[in-house]
């Protein structure tokens, strides 16, 4: 059966561990005298505590990494949702542009039927007559 250390022994070991996590020969002898434990018990206690400290640090590092990855994943998902929305908006605008182009062609065709000229020349004449030469309004109108 394993004998548990007494409180004063643990306190002495903890105090020494806070000062230095590694034992010198002199510190071992001092702890043997102060605690009544043998060198192997003291050395084993220090080894276990160093291992536990490393394990706690590793767990803390892993928790931090996990939180960082969770945040990065959240940011990625938000970016993907935003991208999907923008793609949907782009497709809607392309559809609207195609509808407007088709409507524009239809109107040019109707102008050609009414006036007997080609739709483009009739349309150009309409722009010329309604806005005049050199008008900034006619310069801003799209040409096809």
N, C-alpha and C. Protein backbone atom coordinates (compact mmCIF):
# COMPACT_ATOMS: atom_id res chain seq x y z
N UNK A 1 0.84 -1.17 0.00
CA UNK A 1 0.00 0.00 0.00
C UNK A 1 0.89 1.25 0.00
N UNK A 2 0.48 2.23 -0.82
CA UNK A 2 1.26 3.45 -0.97
C UNK A 2 1.00 4.37 0.22
N UNK A 3 2.07 4.86 0.79
CA UNK A 3 1.94 5.78 1.92
C UNK A 3 1.87 7.20 1.38
N UNK A 4 0.86 7.94 1.81
CA UNK A 4 0.68 9.33 1.38
C UNK A 4 1.63 10.21 2.17
N UNK A 5 2.07 11.26 1.52
CA UNK A 5 2.92 12.22 2.20
C UNK A 5 2.07 13.04 3.19
N UNK A 6 2.69 13.47 4.21
CA UNK A 6 2.00 14.33 5.18
C UNK A 6 2.00 15.77 4.65
N UNK A 7 1.10 16.57 5.20
CA UNK A 7 0.94 17.94 4.72
C UNK A 7 2.23 18.75 4.79
N UNK A 8 2.99 18.66 5.87
CA UNK A 8 4.21 19.44 6.00
C UNK A 8 5.25 19.00 4.97
N UNK A 9 5.24 17.70 4.62
CA UNK A 9 6.18 17.21 3.60
C UNK A 9 5.80 17.79 2.22
N UNK A 10 4.52 17.76 1.92
CA UNK A 10 4.03 18.30 0.64
C UNK A 10 4.31 19.80 0.57
N UNK A 11 4.08 20.50 1.67
CA UNK A 11 4.34 21.94 1.70
C UNK A 11 5.82 22.23 1.43
N UNK A 12 6.71 21.46 2.03
CA UNK A 12 8.15 21.65 1.82
C UNK A 12 8.53 21.35 0.37
N UNK A 13 7.95 20.28 -0.20
CA UNK A 13 8.24 19.94 -1.60
C UNK A 13 7.71 21.01 -2.55
N UNK A 14 6.50 21.50 -2.29
CA UNK A 14 5.92 22.55 -3.14
C UNK A 14 6.75 23.83 -3.07
N UNK A 15 7.17 24.16 -1.88
CA UNK A 15 7.98 25.38 -1.71
C UNK A 15 9.29 25.26 -2.49
N UNK A 16 9.92 24.11 -2.40
CA UNK A 16 11.17 23.90 -3.14
C UNK A 16 10.91 23.90 -4.64
N UNK A 17 9.79 23.33 -5.07
CA UNK A 17 9.44 23.27 -6.50
C UNK A 17 9.20 24.67 -7.06
N UNK A 18 8.59 25.55 -6.26
CA UNK A 18 8.38 26.93 -6.69
C UNK A 18 9.71 27.65 -6.91
N UNK A 19 10.67 27.34 -6.07
CA UNK A 19 11.99 27.97 -6.20
C UNK A 19 12.72 27.46 -7.44
N UNK A 20 12.68 26.16 -7.65
CA UNK A 20 13.32 25.55 -8.82
C UNK A 20 12.67 24.21 -9.10
N UNK A 21 12.37 23.96 -10.37
CA UNK A 21 11.74 22.69 -10.73
C UNK A 21 12.75 21.56 -10.83
N UNK A 22 14.03 21.89 -10.73
CA UNK A 22 15.07 20.87 -10.80
C UNK A 22 15.90 20.91 -9.53
N UNK A 23 16.19 19.74 -9.02
CA UNK A 23 16.89 19.61 -7.74
C UNK A 23 18.41 19.57 -7.92
N UNK A 24 19.08 20.27 -7.02
CA UNK A 24 20.54 20.12 -6.92
C UNK A 24 20.80 19.08 -5.83
N UNK A 25 22.02 18.60 -5.76
CA UNK A 25 22.36 17.63 -4.71
C UNK A 25 22.13 18.24 -3.33
N UNK A 26 22.52 19.49 -3.17
CA UNK A 26 22.35 20.15 -1.87
C UNK A 26 20.88 20.30 -1.52
N UNK A 27 20.04 20.63 -2.50
CA UNK A 27 18.61 20.79 -2.24
C UNK A 27 17.98 19.45 -1.88
N UNK A 28 18.42 18.37 -2.52
CA UNK A 28 17.91 17.04 -2.19
C UNK A 28 18.23 16.70 -0.73
N UNK A 29 19.45 16.94 -0.35
CA UNK A 29 19.87 16.63 1.03
C UNK A 29 19.06 17.48 2.01
N UNK A 30 18.86 18.73 1.67
CA UNK A 30 18.08 19.63 2.53
C UNK A 30 16.64 19.12 2.68
N UNK A 31 16.05 18.66 1.58
CA UNK A 31 14.67 18.16 1.62
C UNK A 31 14.57 16.82 2.36
N UNK A 32 15.58 15.97 2.21
CA UNK A 32 15.60 14.71 2.94
C UNK A 32 15.57 15.00 4.44
N UNK A 33 16.38 15.94 4.87
CA UNK A 33 16.45 16.32 6.28
C UNK A 33 15.14 16.95 6.75
N UNK A 34 14.56 17.87 5.92
CA UNK A 34 13.37 18.60 6.33
C UNK A 34 12.12 17.73 6.33
N UNK A 35 12.04 16.77 5.41
CA UNK A 35 10.80 16.00 5.24
C UNK A 35 10.84 14.61 5.84
N UNK A 36 12.04 14.04 5.96
CA UNK A 36 12.15 12.66 6.42
C UNK A 36 11.90 11.67 5.29
N UNK A 37 11.75 12.15 4.06
CA UNK A 37 11.57 11.28 2.89
C UNK A 37 12.93 10.90 2.35
N UNK A 38 12.98 9.80 1.59
CA UNK A 38 14.28 9.45 0.99
C UNK A 38 14.43 10.15 -0.36
N UNK A 39 15.64 10.10 -0.89
CA UNK A 39 15.98 10.82 -2.14
C UNK A 39 15.10 10.36 -3.29
N UNK A 40 14.84 9.05 -3.39
CA UNK A 40 14.01 8.53 -4.49
C UNK A 40 12.59 9.08 -4.43
N UNK A 41 12.02 9.19 -3.24
CA UNK A 41 10.67 9.74 -3.10
C UNK A 41 10.63 11.21 -3.52
N UNK A 42 11.64 11.95 -3.10
CA UNK A 42 11.71 13.37 -3.44
C UNK A 42 11.89 13.55 -4.94
N UNK A 43 12.81 12.78 -5.52
CA UNK A 43 13.06 12.85 -6.97
C UNK A 43 11.81 12.47 -7.75
N UNK A 44 11.14 11.42 -7.33
CA UNK A 44 9.91 10.99 -8.01
C UNK A 44 8.82 12.06 -7.91
N UNK A 45 8.69 12.69 -6.75
CA UNK A 45 7.69 13.74 -6.58
C UNK A 45 7.96 14.89 -7.54
N UNK A 46 9.23 15.31 -7.64
CA UNK A 46 9.59 16.40 -8.56
C UNK A 46 9.33 16.00 -10.01
N UNK A 47 9.68 14.77 -10.37
CA UNK A 47 9.44 14.29 -11.75
C UNK A 47 7.95 14.30 -12.08
N UNK A 48 7.13 13.80 -11.15
CA UNK A 48 5.68 13.79 -11.37
C UNK A 48 5.13 15.20 -11.52
N UNK A 49 5.58 16.10 -10.68
CA UNK A 49 5.08 17.47 -10.74
C UNK A 49 5.52 18.19 -12.01
N UNK A 50 6.73 17.93 -12.47
CA UNK A 50 7.14 18.52 -13.76
C UNK A 50 6.27 17.97 -14.89
N UNK A 51 6.01 16.66 -14.86
CA UNK A 51 5.17 16.04 -15.89
C UNK A 51 3.74 16.59 -15.83
N UNK A 52 3.20 16.75 -14.62
CA UNK A 52 1.86 17.31 -14.49
C UNK A 52 1.80 18.74 -14.98
N UNK A 53 2.85 19.50 -14.68
CA UNK A 53 2.88 20.90 -15.14
C UNK A 53 2.92 20.95 -16.67
N UNK A 54 3.73 20.10 -17.29
CA UNK A 54 3.79 20.04 -18.76
C UNK A 54 2.43 19.63 -19.33
N UNK A 55 1.80 18.66 -18.68
CA UNK A 55 0.49 18.20 -19.15
C UNK A 55 -0.55 19.32 -19.05
N UNK A 56 -0.55 20.05 -17.93
CA UNK A 56 -1.49 21.16 -17.78
C UNK A 56 -1.23 22.23 -18.83
N UNK A 57 0.05 22.50 -19.09
CA UNK A 57 0.38 23.49 -20.11
C UNK A 57 -0.08 23.01 -21.48
N UNK A 58 0.13 21.74 -21.77
CA UNK A 58 -0.31 21.19 -23.06
C UNK A 58 -1.81 21.27 -23.21
N UNK A 59 -2.52 20.96 -22.14
CA UNK A 59 -3.99 21.03 -22.18
C UNK A 59 -4.42 22.48 -22.40
N UNK A 60 -3.78 23.40 -21.70
CA UNK A 60 -4.10 24.82 -21.90
C UNK A 60 -3.81 25.27 -23.32
N UNK A 61 -2.66 24.82 -23.86
CA UNK A 61 -2.32 25.17 -25.24
C UNK A 61 -3.34 24.59 -26.22
N UNK A 62 -3.76 23.35 -25.95
CA UNK A 62 -4.75 22.72 -26.82
C UNK A 62 -6.10 23.44 -26.74
N UNK A 63 -6.49 23.85 -25.55
CA UNK A 63 -7.74 24.59 -25.39
C UNK A 63 -7.68 25.92 -26.15
N UNK A 64 -6.53 26.59 -26.06
CA UNK A 64 -6.36 27.85 -26.78
C UNK A 64 -6.42 27.61 -28.29
N UNK A 65 -5.73 26.59 -28.76
CA UNK A 65 -5.75 26.25 -30.18
C UNK A 65 -7.16 25.89 -30.63
N UNK A 66 -7.87 25.14 -29.79
CA UNK A 66 -9.25 24.77 -30.11
C UNK A 66 -10.12 26.01 -30.25
N UNK A 67 -9.96 26.96 -29.34
CA UNK A 67 -10.74 28.21 -29.41
C UNK A 67 -10.39 29.00 -30.66
N UNK A 68 -9.10 29.05 -30.99
CA UNK A 68 -8.67 29.77 -32.20
C UNK A 68 -9.23 29.10 -33.46
N UNK A 69 -9.20 27.77 -33.49
CA UNK A 69 -9.74 27.05 -34.65
C UNK A 69 -11.25 27.23 -34.75
N UNK A 70 -11.92 27.23 -33.62
CA UNK A 70 -13.37 27.44 -33.63
C UNK A 70 -13.70 28.83 -34.19
N UNK A 71 -12.93 29.83 -33.78
CA UNK A 71 -13.15 31.19 -34.27
C UNK A 71 -12.86 31.26 -35.78
N UNK A 72 -11.79 30.61 -36.21
CA UNK A 72 -11.44 30.61 -37.64
C UNK A 72 -12.53 29.90 -38.45
N UNK A 73 -13.06 28.82 -37.92
CA UNK A 73 -14.13 28.09 -38.60
C UNK A 73 -15.39 28.96 -38.70
N UNK A 74 -15.70 29.66 -37.64
CA UNK A 74 -16.86 30.56 -37.64
C UNK A 74 -16.68 31.66 -38.69
N UNK A 75 -15.48 32.23 -38.74
CA UNK A 75 -15.18 33.28 -39.72
C UNK A 75 -15.29 32.72 -41.14
N UNK A 76 -14.79 31.51 -41.34
CA UNK A 76 -14.88 30.86 -42.64
C UNK A 76 -16.34 30.64 -43.05
N UNK A 77 -17.14 30.15 -42.12
CA UNK A 77 -18.56 29.92 -42.43
C UNK A 77 -19.26 31.23 -42.78
N UNK A 78 -18.98 32.28 -42.02
CA UNK A 78 -19.59 33.57 -42.32
C UNK A 78 -19.16 34.06 -43.69
N UNK A 79 -17.88 33.86 -44.03
CA UNK A 79 -17.39 34.25 -45.35
C UNK A 79 -18.05 33.45 -46.46
N UNK A 80 -18.26 32.16 -46.21
CA UNK A 80 -18.92 31.33 -47.22
C UNK A 80 -20.38 31.75 -47.41
N UNK A 81 -21.04 32.09 -46.30
CA UNK A 81 -22.43 32.55 -46.40
C UNK A 81 -22.48 33.86 -47.17
N UNK A 82 -21.54 34.75 -46.89
CA UNK A 82 -21.51 36.05 -47.59
C UNK A 82 -21.22 35.82 -49.07
N UNK A 83 -20.28 34.94 -49.36
CA UNK A 83 -19.96 34.64 -50.76
C UNK A 83 -21.17 34.07 -51.49
N UNK A 84 -21.89 33.16 -50.84
CA UNK A 84 -23.09 32.58 -51.47
C UNK A 84 -24.12 33.67 -51.75
N UNK A 85 -24.28 34.60 -50.81
CA UNK A 85 -25.21 35.71 -51.03
C UNK A 85 -24.78 36.58 -52.19
N UNK A 86 -23.49 36.86 -52.27
CA UNK A 86 -22.98 37.67 -53.37
C UNK A 86 -23.12 36.95 -54.71
N UNK A 87 -22.90 35.64 -54.71
CA UNK A 87 -23.07 34.87 -55.94
C UNK A 87 -24.53 34.92 -56.40
N UNK A 88 -25.44 34.80 -55.44
CA UNK A 88 -26.87 34.86 -55.77
C UNK A 88 -27.22 36.24 -56.33
N UNK A 89 -26.69 37.27 -55.69
CA UNK A 89 -26.95 38.63 -56.17
C UNK A 89 -26.36 38.84 -57.57
N UNK A 90 -25.17 38.32 -57.82
CA UNK A 90 -24.54 38.42 -59.13
C UNK A 90 -25.40 37.74 -60.20
N UNK A 91 -25.89 36.55 -59.89
CA UNK A 91 -26.73 35.84 -60.85
C UNK A 91 -28.02 36.62 -61.14
N UNK A 92 -28.60 37.21 -60.11
CA UNK A 92 -29.82 38.00 -60.30
C UNK A 92 -29.53 39.21 -61.18
N UNK A 93 -28.38 39.85 -60.95
CA UNK A 93 -28.04 41.03 -61.77
C UNK A 93 -27.74 40.63 -63.22
N UNK A 94 -27.10 39.49 -63.41
CA UNK A 94 -26.84 39.02 -64.78
C UNK A 94 -28.16 38.72 -65.49
N UNK A 95 -29.09 38.12 -64.76
CA UNK A 95 -30.40 37.82 -65.35
C UNK A 95 -31.11 39.12 -65.74
N UNK A 96 -31.06 40.10 -64.84
CA UNK A 96 -31.70 41.40 -65.11
C UNK A 96 -31.05 42.07 -66.31
N UNK A 97 -29.71 42.00 -66.38
CA UNK A 97 -29.00 42.59 -67.52
C UNK A 97 -29.43 41.92 -68.83
N UNK A 98 -29.54 40.60 -68.81
CA UNK A 98 -29.97 39.89 -70.03
C UNK A 98 -31.39 40.30 -70.42
N UNK A 99 -32.27 40.45 -69.42
CA UNK A 99 -33.64 40.89 -69.71
C UNK A 99 -33.66 42.29 -70.31
N UNK A 100 -32.83 43.19 -69.76
CA UNK A 100 -32.78 44.56 -70.28
C UNK A 100 -32.20 44.60 -71.69
N UNK A 101 -31.19 43.78 -71.93
CA UNK A 101 -30.62 43.72 -73.29
C UNK A 101 -31.67 43.21 -74.28
N UNK A 102 -32.41 42.20 -73.87
CA UNK A 102 -33.44 41.65 -74.75
C UNK A 102 -34.53 42.71 -75.00
N UNK A 103 -34.91 43.40 -73.96
CA UNK A 103 -35.91 44.46 -74.11
C UNK A 103 -35.39 45.56 -75.02
N UNK A 104 -34.12 45.93 -74.88
CA UNK A 104 -33.49 46.94 -75.71
C UNK A 104 -33.52 46.51 -77.18
N UNK A 105 -33.16 45.26 -77.43
CA UNK A 105 -33.18 44.76 -78.81
C UNK A 105 -34.60 44.76 -79.37
N UNK A 106 -35.55 44.39 -78.54
CA UNK A 106 -36.95 44.38 -78.97
C UNK A 106 -37.41 45.79 -79.33
N UNK A 107 -37.06 46.77 -78.51
CA UNK A 107 -37.43 48.16 -78.79
C UNK A 107 -36.77 48.66 -80.06
N UNK A 108 -35.52 48.33 -80.28
CA UNK A 108 -34.83 48.72 -81.52
C UNK A 108 -35.52 48.10 -82.72
N UNK A 109 -35.91 46.85 -82.54
CA UNK A 109 -36.60 46.15 -83.64
C UNK A 109 -37.94 46.83 -83.94
N UNK A 110 -38.68 47.21 -82.90
CA UNK A 110 -39.95 47.91 -83.09
C UNK A 110 -39.74 49.26 -83.78
N UNK A 111 -38.68 49.97 -83.42
CA UNK A 111 -38.37 51.24 -84.08
C UNK A 111 -38.09 51.02 -85.56
N UNK A 112 -37.40 49.95 -85.89
CA UNK A 112 -37.07 49.67 -87.28
C UNK A 112 -38.33 49.37 -88.08
N UNK A 113 -39.26 48.67 -87.49
CA UNK A 113 -40.50 48.33 -88.19
C UNK A 113 -41.33 49.60 -88.44
N UNK A 114 -41.42 50.47 -87.44
CA UNK A 114 -42.23 51.68 -87.56
C UNK A 114 -41.58 52.66 -88.55
N UNK A 115 -40.30 52.86 -88.45
CA UNK A 115 -39.64 53.89 -89.26
C UNK A 115 -39.05 53.39 -90.55
N UNK A 116 -38.94 52.13 -90.72
CA UNK A 116 -38.36 51.59 -91.93
C UNK A 116 -36.85 51.63 -91.96
N UNK A 117 -36.21 52.27 -91.03
CA UNK A 117 -34.75 52.29 -90.98
C UNK A 117 -34.28 51.15 -90.10
N UNK A 118 -32.96 50.99 -90.06
CA UNK A 118 -32.45 49.99 -89.12
C UNK A 118 -32.71 50.50 -87.71
N UNK A 119 -32.91 49.60 -86.77
CA UNK A 119 -33.22 49.97 -85.40
C UNK A 119 -32.13 50.82 -84.78
N UNK A 120 -30.88 50.53 -85.08
CA UNK A 120 -29.78 51.28 -84.49
C UNK A 120 -29.74 52.72 -85.01
N UNK A 121 -29.91 52.91 -86.32
CA UNK A 121 -29.85 54.28 -86.84
C UNK A 121 -31.06 55.08 -86.38
N UNK A 122 -32.23 54.45 -86.30
CA UNK A 122 -33.42 55.13 -85.80
C UNK A 122 -33.21 55.53 -84.34
N UNK A 123 -32.63 54.63 -83.57
CA UNK A 123 -32.37 54.89 -82.16
C UNK A 123 -31.36 56.01 -82.01
N UNK A 124 -30.30 55.99 -82.83
CA UNK A 124 -29.30 57.06 -82.78
C UNK A 124 -29.94 58.40 -83.15
N UNK A 125 -30.81 58.41 -84.15
CA UNK A 125 -31.48 59.64 -84.54
C UNK A 125 -32.36 60.15 -83.40
N UNK A 126 -33.04 59.22 -82.70
CA UNK A 126 -33.85 59.61 -81.55
C UNK A 126 -32.99 60.27 -80.48
N UNK A 127 -31.85 59.69 -80.18
CA UNK A 127 -30.96 60.27 -79.17
C UNK A 127 -30.49 61.65 -79.61
N UNK A 128 -30.15 61.80 -80.87
CA UNK A 128 -29.65 63.07 -81.42
C UNK A 128 -30.71 64.15 -81.30
N UNK A 129 -31.92 63.78 -81.65
CA UNK A 129 -32.98 64.79 -81.65
C UNK A 129 -33.44 65.15 -80.24
N UNK A 130 -33.42 64.21 -79.32
CA UNK A 130 -33.92 64.51 -77.98
C UNK A 130 -32.87 65.15 -77.08
N UNK A 131 -31.60 64.90 -77.34
CA UNK A 131 -30.56 65.43 -76.47
C UNK A 131 -29.65 66.41 -77.18
N UNK A 132 -29.64 66.43 -78.46
CA UNK A 132 -28.82 67.37 -79.22
C UNK A 132 -27.36 66.96 -79.29
N UNK A 133 -26.63 67.55 -80.25
CA UNK A 133 -25.22 67.19 -80.41
C UNK A 133 -24.40 67.70 -79.23
N UNK A 134 -23.48 66.87 -78.75
CA UNK A 134 -22.57 67.27 -77.68
C UNK A 134 -23.22 67.27 -76.31
N UNK A 135 -24.44 66.82 -76.22
CA UNK A 135 -25.13 66.81 -74.93
C UNK A 135 -24.47 65.79 -74.02
N UNK A 136 -24.34 66.16 -72.75
CA UNK A 136 -23.72 65.22 -71.79
C UNK A 136 -24.67 64.08 -71.53
N UNK A 137 -25.96 64.30 -71.70
CA UNK A 137 -26.89 63.20 -71.49
C UNK A 137 -26.70 62.13 -72.54
N UNK A 138 -26.52 62.54 -73.79
CA UNK A 138 -26.37 61.52 -74.83
C UNK A 138 -25.04 60.82 -74.73
N UNK A 139 -24.04 61.47 -74.15
CA UNK A 139 -22.74 60.82 -73.99
C UNK A 139 -22.77 59.76 -72.91
N UNK A 140 -23.70 59.88 -71.98
CA UNK A 140 -23.78 58.91 -70.88
C UNK A 140 -24.66 57.72 -71.20
N UNK A 141 -25.36 57.76 -72.34
CA UNK A 141 -26.23 56.66 -72.68
C UNK A 141 -25.41 55.50 -73.24
N UNK A 142 -25.80 54.27 -72.91
CA UNK A 142 -25.03 53.11 -73.41
C UNK A 142 -25.23 52.92 -74.89
N UNK A 143 -24.20 52.47 -75.55
CA UNK A 143 -24.27 52.14 -76.96
C UNK A 143 -24.16 50.63 -77.08
N UNK A 144 -24.87 50.09 -78.03
CA UNK A 144 -24.76 48.64 -78.21
C UNK A 144 -24.08 48.32 -79.51
